[in-house]
Amino acid sequence: MLRLDGLEIRQGEFSLSADWALEDGAVCAVMGPSGGGKSTLLATIAGFLAPSAGRVVWDGRDLTPIAPAGRPISILFQDNNLFPHLTVERNLALGLDPRGRLDAARRHAIGAVLERVGLTGMAARKPAALSGGQQSRAALARVLLMDRALVLLDEPFAALGPGLRAEMLDLAREVLAGEGRTVLMVSHAPEDATRIASHIVLVDAGRAAPPQAAGPLLADPPPALRAYLGR
């Protein structure tokens, strides 16, 4: 279980608070107005930003003093974080070893996960030789290889067209949440939340509200969410 225990984030005049828990295996969309702090919340959970107060707790373990690399968390950004000078295989190897070292077992694991995300035979290609959708699949494959219990998605598919974005959301839900991982996904699109999320956290007016069931919340949104959705 992810627990944000009295979390306070302050950066200059910006502040954001969160005090809630999210059950294991949930797929939670993080929604709200631009500039409200959605990405900041994920960066704090991941350990890239230090909170001003409170704790980030995973399964009873306080992660707050632990560096990002030591947390049971993987994060996927919008730009996919693929190194352009490395092949797909070498990019994925970084998910298994910080130096990207390869041996027969790692090559086998990479080949298996590439097959799973629909990139069989593309291990030797560099990112520039892949389409946008294929780059997203490669980045998702690296998250799978890291095999962390908590996955943070910071709009990784936002640049894709509607059809391809829906395809990637379906794939992410299948290969991430389908294996029991907990997923937090920043999203601006209610249709994305409807497609993938079991819960929604609304970030607005300096507060990340506790997760609520996605279906009922979108069917009858509170005033803040209604204003954001333009209803």
C-alpha atoms as a PDB file:
ATOM      1  CA  MET A   1       0.000   0.000   0.000  1.00  0.00           C
ATOM      2  CA  LEU A   2       1.165   3.524  -0.849  1.00  0.00           C
ATOM      3  CA  ARG A   3       0.643   5.964   1.990  1.00  0.00           C
ATOM      4  CA  LEU A   4       1.197   9.721   1.806  1.00  0.00           C
ATOM      5  CA  ASP A   5       1.346  10.559   5.478  1.00  0.00           C
ATOM      6  CA  GLY A   6       0.751  14.266   6.097  1.00  0.00           C
ATOM      7  CA  LEU A   7       2.767  15.117   2.987  1.00  0.00           C
ATOM      8  CA  GLU A   8       3.512  18.804   2.397  1.00  0.00           C
ATOM      9  CA  ILE A   9       5.362  20.069  -0.683  1.00  0.00           C
ATOM     10  CA  ARG A  10       6.470  23.709  -0.845  1.00  0.00           C
ATOM     11  CA  GLN A  11       8.397  25.464  -3.604  1.00  0.00           C
ATOM     12  CA  GLY A  12       8.383  29.242  -3.283  1.00  0.00           C
ATOM     13  CA  GLU A  13       4.738  30.328  -3.331  1.00  0.00           C
ATOM     14  CA  PHE A  14       3.588  26.881  -4.468  1.00  0.00           C
ATOM     15  CA  SER A  15       2.297  24.377  -1.933  1.00  0.00           C
ATOM     16  CA  LEU A  16       0.589  21.014  -2.144  1.00  0.00           C
ATOM     17  CA  SER A  17      -0.677  18.701   0.577  1.00  0.00           C
ATOM     18  CA  ALA A  18      -1.678  15.034   0.492  1.00  0.00           C
ATOM     19  CA  ASP A  19      -2.768  12.674   3.250  1.00  0.00           C
ATOM     20  CA  TRP A  20      -4.172   9.385   1.953  1.00  0.00           C
ATOM     21  CA  ALA A  21      -3.545   5.764   1.099  1.00  0.00           C
ATOM     22  CA  LEU A  22      -3.846   3.808  -2.154  1.00  0.00           C
ATOM     23  CA  GLU A  23      -4.451   0.058  -2.138  1.00  0.00           C
ATOM     24  CA  ASP A  24      -2.072  -2.341  -3.850  1.00  0.00           C
ATOM     25  CA  GLY A  25      -2.969  -3.067  -7.476  1.00  0.00           C
ATOM     26  CA  ALA A  26      -4.942   0.143  -8.014  1.00  0.00           C
ATOM     27  CA  VAL A  27      -4.611   2.090 -11.260  1.00  0.00           C
ATOM     28  CA  CYS A  28      -5.043   5.707 -10.229  1.00  0.00           C
ATOM     29  CA  ALA A  29      -5.322   8.701 -12.569  1.00  0.00           C
ATOM     30  CA  VAL A  30      -3.956  11.977 -11.179  1.00  0.00           C
ATOM     31  CA  MET A  31      -6.033  14.785 -12.666  1.00  0.00           C
ATOM     32  CA  GLY A  32      -6.459  18.528 -12.232  1.00  0.00           C
ATOM     33  CA  PRO A  33      -5.673  21.934 -13.761  1.00  0.00           C
ATOM     34  CA  SER A  34      -2.291  22.635 -15.348  1.00  0.00           C
ATOM     35  CA  GLY A  35       0.183  23.908 -12.786  1.00  0.00           C
ATOM     36  CA  GLY A  36      -1.712  22.323  -9.908  1.00  0.00           C
ATOM     37  CA  GLY A  37       1.139  20.010  -8.959  1.00  0.00           C
ATOM     38  CA  LYS A  38       0.379  16.645 -10.556  1.00  0.00           C
ATOM     39  CA  SER A  39       3.914  16.043 -11.841  1.00  0.00           C
ATOM     40  CA  THR A  40       5.338  17.546  -8.649  1.00  0.00           C
ATOM     41  CA  LEU A  41       3.393  14.980  -6.633  1.00  0.00           C
ATOM     42  CA  LEU A  42       4.829  12.118  -8.688  1.00  0.00           C
ATOM     43  CA  ALA A  43       8.353  13.559  -8.476  1.00  0.00           C
ATOM     44  CA  THR A  44       8.059  13.685  -4.685  1.00  0.00           C
ATOM     45  CA  ILE A  45       6.808  10.106  -4.478  1.00  0.00           C
ATOM     46  CA  ALA A  46       9.699   9.029  -6.708  1.00  0.00           C
ATOM     47  CA  GLY A  47      12.220  10.860  -4.527  1.00  0.00           C
ATOM     48  CA  PHE A  48      13.349  13.544  -6.975  1.00  0.00           C
ATOM     49  CA  LEU A  49      11.876  16.234  -4.711  1.00  0.00           C
ATOM     50  CA  ALA A  50      12.035  16.280  -0.920  1.00  0.00           C
ATOM     51  CA  PRO A  51       8.788  17.083   0.919  1.00  0.00           C
ATOM     52  CA  SER A  52       8.709  19.949   3.410  1.00  0.00           C
ATOM     53  CA  ALA A  53       6.861  17.716   5.862  1.00  0.00           C
ATOM     54  CA  GLY A  54       5.330  14.258   6.055  1.00  0.00           C
ATOM     55  CA  ARG A  55       6.339  10.895   4.660  1.00  0.00           C
ATOM     56  CA  VAL A  56       6.048   8.678   1.591  1.00  0.00           C
ATOM     57  CA  VAL A  57       5.412   5.158   2.888  1.00  0.00           C
ATOM     58  CA  TRP A  58       5.269   1.914   0.889  1.00  0.00           C
ATOM     59  CA  ASP A  59       4.034  -1.255   2.590  1.00  0.00           C
ATOM     60  CA  GLY A  60       4.953   0.183   5.978  1.00  0.00           C
ATOM     61  CA  ARG A  61       8.455   1.279   4.917  1.00  0.00           C
ATOM     62  CA  ASP A  62       9.289   4.985   5.080  1.00  0.00           C
ATOM     63  CA  LEU A  63      10.764   5.880   1.681  1.00  0.00           C
ATOM     64  CA  THR A  64      11.254   9.578   2.439  1.00  0.00           C
ATOM     65  CA  PRO A  65      14.987   9.414   3.274  1.00  0.00           C
ATOM     66  CA  ILE A  66      15.752   6.913   0.496  1.00  0.00           C
ATOM     67  CA  ALA A  67      17.267   8.030  -2.827  1.00  0.00           C
ATOM     68  CA  PRO A  68      15.199   7.413  -6.001  1.00  0.00           C
ATOM     69  CA  ALA A  69      17.296   4.422  -7.077  1.00  0.00           C
ATOM     70  CA  GLY A  70      16.610   2.681  -3.784  1.00  0.00           C
ATOM     71  CA  ARG A  71      12.832   3.004  -3.929  1.00  0.00           C
ATOM     72  CA  PRO A  72      10.565   0.235  -5.296  1.00  0.00           C
ATOM     73  CA  ILE A  73       9.401   2.686  -7.954  1.00  0.00           C
ATOM     74  CA  SER A  74       9.798   3.098 -11.689  1.00  0.00           C
ATOM     75  CA  ILE A  75       8.695   6.189 -13.566  1.00  0.00           C
ATOM     76  CA  LEU A  76       7.899   6.728 -17.232  1.00  0.00           C
ATOM     77  CA  PHE A  77       8.024  10.285 -18.586  1.00  0.00           C
ATOM     78  CA  GLN A  78       6.477  11.817 -21.679  1.00  0.00           C
ATOM     79  CA  ASP A  79       9.816  11.888 -23.531  1.00  0.00           C
ATOM     80  CA  ASN A  80      10.382   8.172 -22.766  1.00  0.00           C
ATOM     81  CA  ASN A  81      13.981   8.812 -21.582  1.00  0.00           C
ATOM     82  CA  LEU A  82      15.521   6.681 -24.311  1.00  0.00           C
ATOM     83  CA  PHE A  83      19.171   7.453 -25.047  1.00  0.00           C
ATOM     84  CA  PRO A  84      19.411   8.231 -28.794  1.00  0.00           C
ATOM     85  CA  HIS A  85      22.977   6.870 -29.180  1.00  0.00           C
ATOM     86  CA  LEU A  86      22.072   3.458 -27.729  1.00  0.00           C
ATOM     87  CA  THR A  87      20.205   0.598 -29.349  1.00  0.00           C
ATOM     88  CA  VAL A  88      16.877  -0.540 -27.945  1.00  0.00           C
ATOM     89  CA  GLU A  89      18.638  -3.512 -26.359  1.00  0.00           C
ATOM     90  CA  ARG A  90      21.200  -1.255 -24.647  1.00  0.00           C
ATOM     91  CA  ASN A  91      18.485   1.154 -23.485  1.00  0.00           C
ATOM     92  CA  LEU A  92      16.566  -1.729 -21.945  1.00  0.00           C
ATOM     93  CA  ALA A  93      19.717  -3.155 -20.372  1.00  0.00           C
ATOM     94  CA  LEU A  94      19.862  -0.012 -18.217  1.00  0.00           C
ATOM     95  CA  GLY A  95      16.679  -1.215 -16.567  1.00  0.00           C
ATOM     96  CA  LEU A  96      18.552  -4.305 -15.389  1.00  0.00           C
ATOM     97  CA  ASP A  97      21.961  -2.831 -14.605  1.00  0.00           C
ATOM     98  CA  PRO A  98      23.019   0.843 -14.182  1.00  0.00           C
ATOM     99  CA  ARG A  99      25.990   0.214 -16.476  1.00  0.00           C
ATOM    100  CA  GLY A 100      23.903  -1.508 -19.106  1.00  0.00           C
ATOM    101  CA  ARG A 101      25.979  -4.668 -19.034  1.00  0.00           C
ATOM    102  CA  LEU A 102      24.657  -7.553 -21.092  1.00  0.00           C
ATOM    103  CA  ASP A 103      25.033 -11.300 -20.754  1.00  0.00           C
ATOM    104  CA  ALA A 104      23.082 -14.223 -22.200  1.00  0.00           C
ATOM    105  CA  ALA A 105      20.464 -14.182 -19.428  1.00  0.00           C
ATOM    106  CA  ARG A 106      19.844 -10.452 -19.787  1.00  0.00           C
ATOM    107  CA  ARG A 107      19.616 -10.677 -23.568  1.00  0.00           C
ATOM    108  CA  HIS A 108      17.049 -13.438 -23.162  1.00  0.00           C
ATOM    109  CA  ALA A 109      15.023 -11.344 -20.699  1.00  0.00           C
ATOM    110  CA  ILE A 110      15.133  -8.330 -23.017  1.00  0.00           C
ATOM    111  CA  GLY A 111      14.071 -10.427 -26.004  1.00  0.00           C
ATOM    112  CA  ALA A 112      11.135 -11.827 -24.040  1.00  0.00           C
ATOM    113  CA  VAL A 113       9.874  -8.430 -22.901  1.00  0.00           C
ATOM    114  CA  LEU A 114      10.274  -6.942 -26.401  1.00  0.00           C
ATOM    115  CA  GLU A 115       8.109  -9.755 -27.717  1.00  0.00           C
ATOM    116  CA  ARG A 116       5.549  -9.010 -25.028  1.00  0.00           C
ATOM    117  CA  VAL A 117       5.212  -5.338 -26.048  1.00  0.00           C
ATOM    118  CA  GLY A 118       5.208  -6.071 -29.776  1.00  0.00           C
ATOM    119  CA  LEU A 119       8.811  -5.138 -30.653  1.00  0.00           C
ATOM    120  CA  THR A 120      10.211  -8.520 -31.661  1.00  0.00           C
ATOM    121  CA  GLY A 121      13.274  -8.130 -33.882  1.00  0.00           C
ATOM    122  CA  MET A 122      13.891  -4.466 -33.002  1.00  0.00           C
ATOM    123  CA  ALA A 123      16.577  -4.862 -30.336  1.00  0.00           C
ATOM    124  CA  ALA A 124      19.341  -3.549 -32.623  1.00  0.00           C
ATOM    125  CA  ARG A 125      17.495  -0.403 -33.690  1.00  0.00           C
ATOM    126  CA  LYS A 126      18.185   3.032 -32.236  1.00  0.00           C
ATOM    127  CA  PRO A 127      15.271   5.220 -31.063  1.00  0.00           C
ATOM    128  CA  ALA A 128      15.392   7.419 -34.177  1.00  0.00           C
ATOM    129  CA  ALA A 129      14.555   4.346 -36.276  1.00  0.00           C
ATOM    130  CA  LEU A 130      11.360   3.746 -34.274  1.00  0.00           C
ATOM    131  CA  SER A 131       7.970   5.367 -34.614  1.00  0.00           C
ATOM    132  CA  GLY A 132       6.528   7.309 -31.680  1.00  0.00           C
ATOM    133  CA  GLY A 133       4.410   4.354 -30.680  1.00  0.00           C
ATOM    134  CA  GLN A 134       7.362   1.985 -30.888  1.00  0.00           C
ATOM    135  CA  GLN A 135       9.438   4.294 -28.701  1.00  0.00           C
ATOM    136  CA  SER A 136       6.637   4.248 -26.120  1.00  0.00           C
ATOM    137  CA  ARG A 137       6.601   0.459 -26.259  1.00  0.00           C
ATOM    138  CA  ALA A 138      10.378   0.330 -25.739  1.00  0.00           C
ATOM    139  CA  ALA A 139      10.125   2.617 -22.715  1.00  0.00           C
ATOM    140  CA  LEU A 140       7.311   0.483 -21.319  1.00  0.00           C
ATOM    141  CA  ALA A 141       9.443  -2.623 -21.853  1.00  0.00           C
ATOM    142  CA  ARG A 142      12.202  -1.085 -19.731  1.00  0.00           C
ATOM    143  CA  VAL A 143       9.694  -0.443 -16.914  1.00  0.00           C
ATOM    144  CA  LEU A 144       8.699  -4.111 -17.095  1.00  0.00           C
ATOM    145  CA  LEU A 145      12.328  -5.203 -16.848  1.00  0.00           C
ATOM    146  CA  MET A 146      12.831  -3.030 -13.757  1.00  0.00           C
ATOM    147  CA  ASP A 147       9.970  -4.985 -12.157  1.00  0.00           C
ATOM    148  CA  ARG A 148       9.114  -2.429  -9.448  1.00  0.00           C
ATOM    149  CA  ALA A 149       5.903  -2.675  -7.447  1.00  0.00           C
ATOM    150  CA  LEU A 150       4.897   0.980  -7.930  1.00  0.00           C
ATOM    151  CA  VAL A 151       4.855   2.557 -11.392  1.00  0.00           C
ATOM    152  CA  LEU A 152       4.468   6.289 -12.013  1.00  0.00           C
ATOM    153  CA  LEU A 153       3.340   7.408 -15.479  1.00  0.00           C
ATOM    154  CA  ASP A 154       3.795  11.126 -16.167  1.00  0.00           C
ATOM    155  CA  GLU A 155       1.751  11.472 -19.379  1.00  0.00           C
ATOM    156  CA  PRO A 156       4.041   9.142 -21.348  1.00  0.00           C
ATOM    157  CA  PHE A 157       1.553   8.732 -24.206  1.00  0.00           C
ATOM    158  CA  ALA A 158       0.292  12.326 -24.446  1.00  0.00           C
ATOM    159  CA  ALA A 159       2.103  13.024 -27.735  1.00  0.00           C
ATOM    160  CA  LEU A 160       0.484  10.057 -29.491  1.00  0.00           C
ATOM    161  CA  GLY A 161      -2.668  10.248 -31.590  1.00  0.00           C
ATOM    162  CA  PRO A 162      -5.961   9.160 -29.999  1.00  0.00           C
ATOM    163  CA  GLY A 163      -6.004   5.647 -31.441  1.00  0.00           C
ATOM    164  CA  LEU A 164      -2.385   4.879 -30.620  1.00  0.00           C
ATOM    165  CA  ARG A 165      -2.721   6.444 -27.175  1.00  0.00           C
ATOM    166  CA  ALA A 166      -5.683   4.185 -26.414  1.00  0.00           C
ATOM    167  CA  GLU A 167      -3.679   1.184 -27.625  1.00  0.00           C
ATOM    168  CA  MET A 168      -0.766   2.078 -25.334  1.00  0.00           C
ATOM    169  CA  LEU A 169      -3.083   2.631 -22.359  1.00  0.00           C
ATOM    170  CA  ASP A 170      -4.573  -0.812 -22.891  1.00  0.00           C
ATOM    171  CA  LEU A 171      -1.098  -2.324 -23.122  1.00  0.00           C
ATOM    172  CA  ALA A 172       0.080  -0.491 -19.989  1.00  0.00           C
ATOM    173  CA  ARG A 173      -2.904  -1.715 -18.009  1.00  0.00           C
ATOM    174  CA  GLU A 174      -2.398  -5.278 -19.244  1.00  0.00           C
ATOM    175  CA  VAL A 175       1.333  -5.576 -18.581  1.00  0.00           C
ATOM    176  CA  LEU A 176       1.619  -3.351 -15.496  1.00  0.00           C
ATOM    177  CA  ALA A 177      -1.588  -3.536 -13.478  1.00  0.00           C
ATOM    178  CA  GLY A 178      -2.304  -7.007 -14.842  1.00  0.00           C
ATOM    179  CA  GLU A 179       0.573  -8.312 -12.735  1.00  0.00           C
ATOM    180  CA  GLY A 180      -0.564  -6.579  -9.546  1.00  0.00           C
ATOM    181  CA  ARG A 181       1.558  -3.445  -9.743  1.00  0.00           C
ATOM    182  CA  THR A 182       0.161  -0.190  -8.390  1.00  0.00           C
ATOM    183  CA  VAL A 183       0.024   2.546 -11.039  1.00  0.00           C
ATOM    184  CA  LEU A 184      -0.261   6.333 -10.651  1.00  0.00           C
ATOM    185  CA  MET A 185      -0.827   8.098 -13.984  1.00  0.00           C
ATOM    186  CA  VAL A 186      -0.923  11.842 -14.605  1.00  0.00           C
ATOM    187  CA  SER A 187      -3.620  12.556 -17.170  1.00  0.00           C
ATOM    188  CA  HIS A 188      -5.424  15.560 -18.624  1.00  0.00           C
ATOM    189  CA  ALA A 189      -7.915  13.446 -20.569  1.00  0.00           C
ATOM    190  CA  PRO A 190     -11.031  12.066 -18.841  1.00  0.00           C
ATOM    191  CA  GLU A 191     -11.353   9.436 -21.571  1.00  0.00           C
ATOM    192  CA  ASP A 192      -7.908   8.097 -20.598  1.00  0.00           C
ATOM    193  CA  ALA A 193      -8.963   7.886 -16.958  1.00  0.00           C
ATOM    194  CA  THR A 194     -12.184   6.140 -17.961  1.00  0.00           C
ATOM    195  CA  ARG A 195     -10.223   3.653 -20.038  1.00  0.00           C
ATOM    196  CA  ILE A 196      -7.550   2.640 -17.539  1.00  0.00           C
ATOM    197  CA  ALA A 197      -8.167   3.966 -14.031  1.00  0.00           C
ATOM    198  CA  SER A 198      -9.876   2.319 -11.098  1.00  0.00           C
ATOM    199  CA  HIS A 199      -9.425   5.475  -8.995  1.00  0.00           C
ATOM    200  CA  ILE A 200      -8.824   9.205  -9.445  1.00  0.00           C
ATOM    201  CA  VAL A 201      -6.849  11.680  -7.332  1.00  0.00           C
ATOM    202  CA  LEU A 202      -7.955  15.264  -7.984  1.00  0.00           C
ATOM    203  CA  VAL A 203      -5.149  17.814  -7.574  1.00  0.00           C
ATOM    204  CA  ASP A 204      -6.548  21.301  -7.142  1.00  0.00           C
ATOM    205  CA  ALA A 205      -6.215  24.383  -4.932  1.00  0.00           C
ATOM    206  CA  GLY A 206      -3.101  23.135  -3.175  1.00  0.00           C
ATOM    207  CA  ARG A 207      -4.440  19.706  -2.262  1.00  0.00           C
ATOM    208  CA  ALA A 208      -4.194  16.216  -3.706  1.00  0.00           C
ATOM    209  CA  ALA A 209      -7.522  14.745  -2.616  1.00  0.00           C
ATOM    210  CA  PRO A 210      -7.808  11.118  -1.471  1.00  0.00           C
ATOM    211  CA  PRO A 211      -8.369   8.548  -4.253  1.00  0.00           C
ATOM    212  CA  GLN A 212     -11.991   7.972  -5.219  1.00  0.00           C
ATOM    213  CA  ALA A 213     -13.554   5.341  -7.470  1.00  0.00           C
ATOM    214  CA  ALA A 214     -13.213   6.588 -11.048  1.00  0.00           C
ATOM    215  CA  GLY A 215     -16.627   5.614 -12.420  1.00  0.00           C
ATOM    216  CA  PRO A 216     -18.851   7.332  -9.839  1.00  0.00           C
ATOM    217  CA  LEU A 217     -16.538  10.360  -9.638  1.00  0.00           C
ATOM    218  CA  LEU A 218     -16.616  11.007 -13.392  1.00  0.00           C
ATOM    219  CA  ALA A 219     -20.357  10.312 -13.573  1.00  0.00           C
ATOM    220  CA  ASP A 220     -21.121  12.876 -10.876  1.00  0.00           C
ATOM    221  CA  PRO A 221     -18.039  15.073 -10.434  1.00  0.00           C
ATOM    222  CA  PRO A 222     -17.656  17.544  -7.562  1.00  0.00           C
ATOM    223  CA  PRO A 223     -17.543  21.257  -8.478  1.00  0.00           C
ATOM    224  CA  ALA A 224     -13.737  21.425  -8.786  1.00  0.00           C
ATOM    225  CA  LEU A 225     -13.587  18.440 -11.150  1.00  0.00           C
ATOM    226  CA  ARG A 226     -16.667  19.622 -13.030  1.00  0.00           C
ATOM    227  CA  ALA A 227     -14.981  22.995 -13.647  1.00  0.00           C
ATOM    228  CA  TYR A 228     -11.807  21.284 -14.821  1.00  0.00           C
ATOM    229  CA  LEU A 229     -13.726  19.037 -17.229  1.00  0.00           C
ATOM    230  CA  GLY A 230     -15.702  22.033 -18.526  1.00  0.00           C
ATOM    231  CA  ARG A 231     -19.089  20.568 -17.683  1.00  0.00           C
END
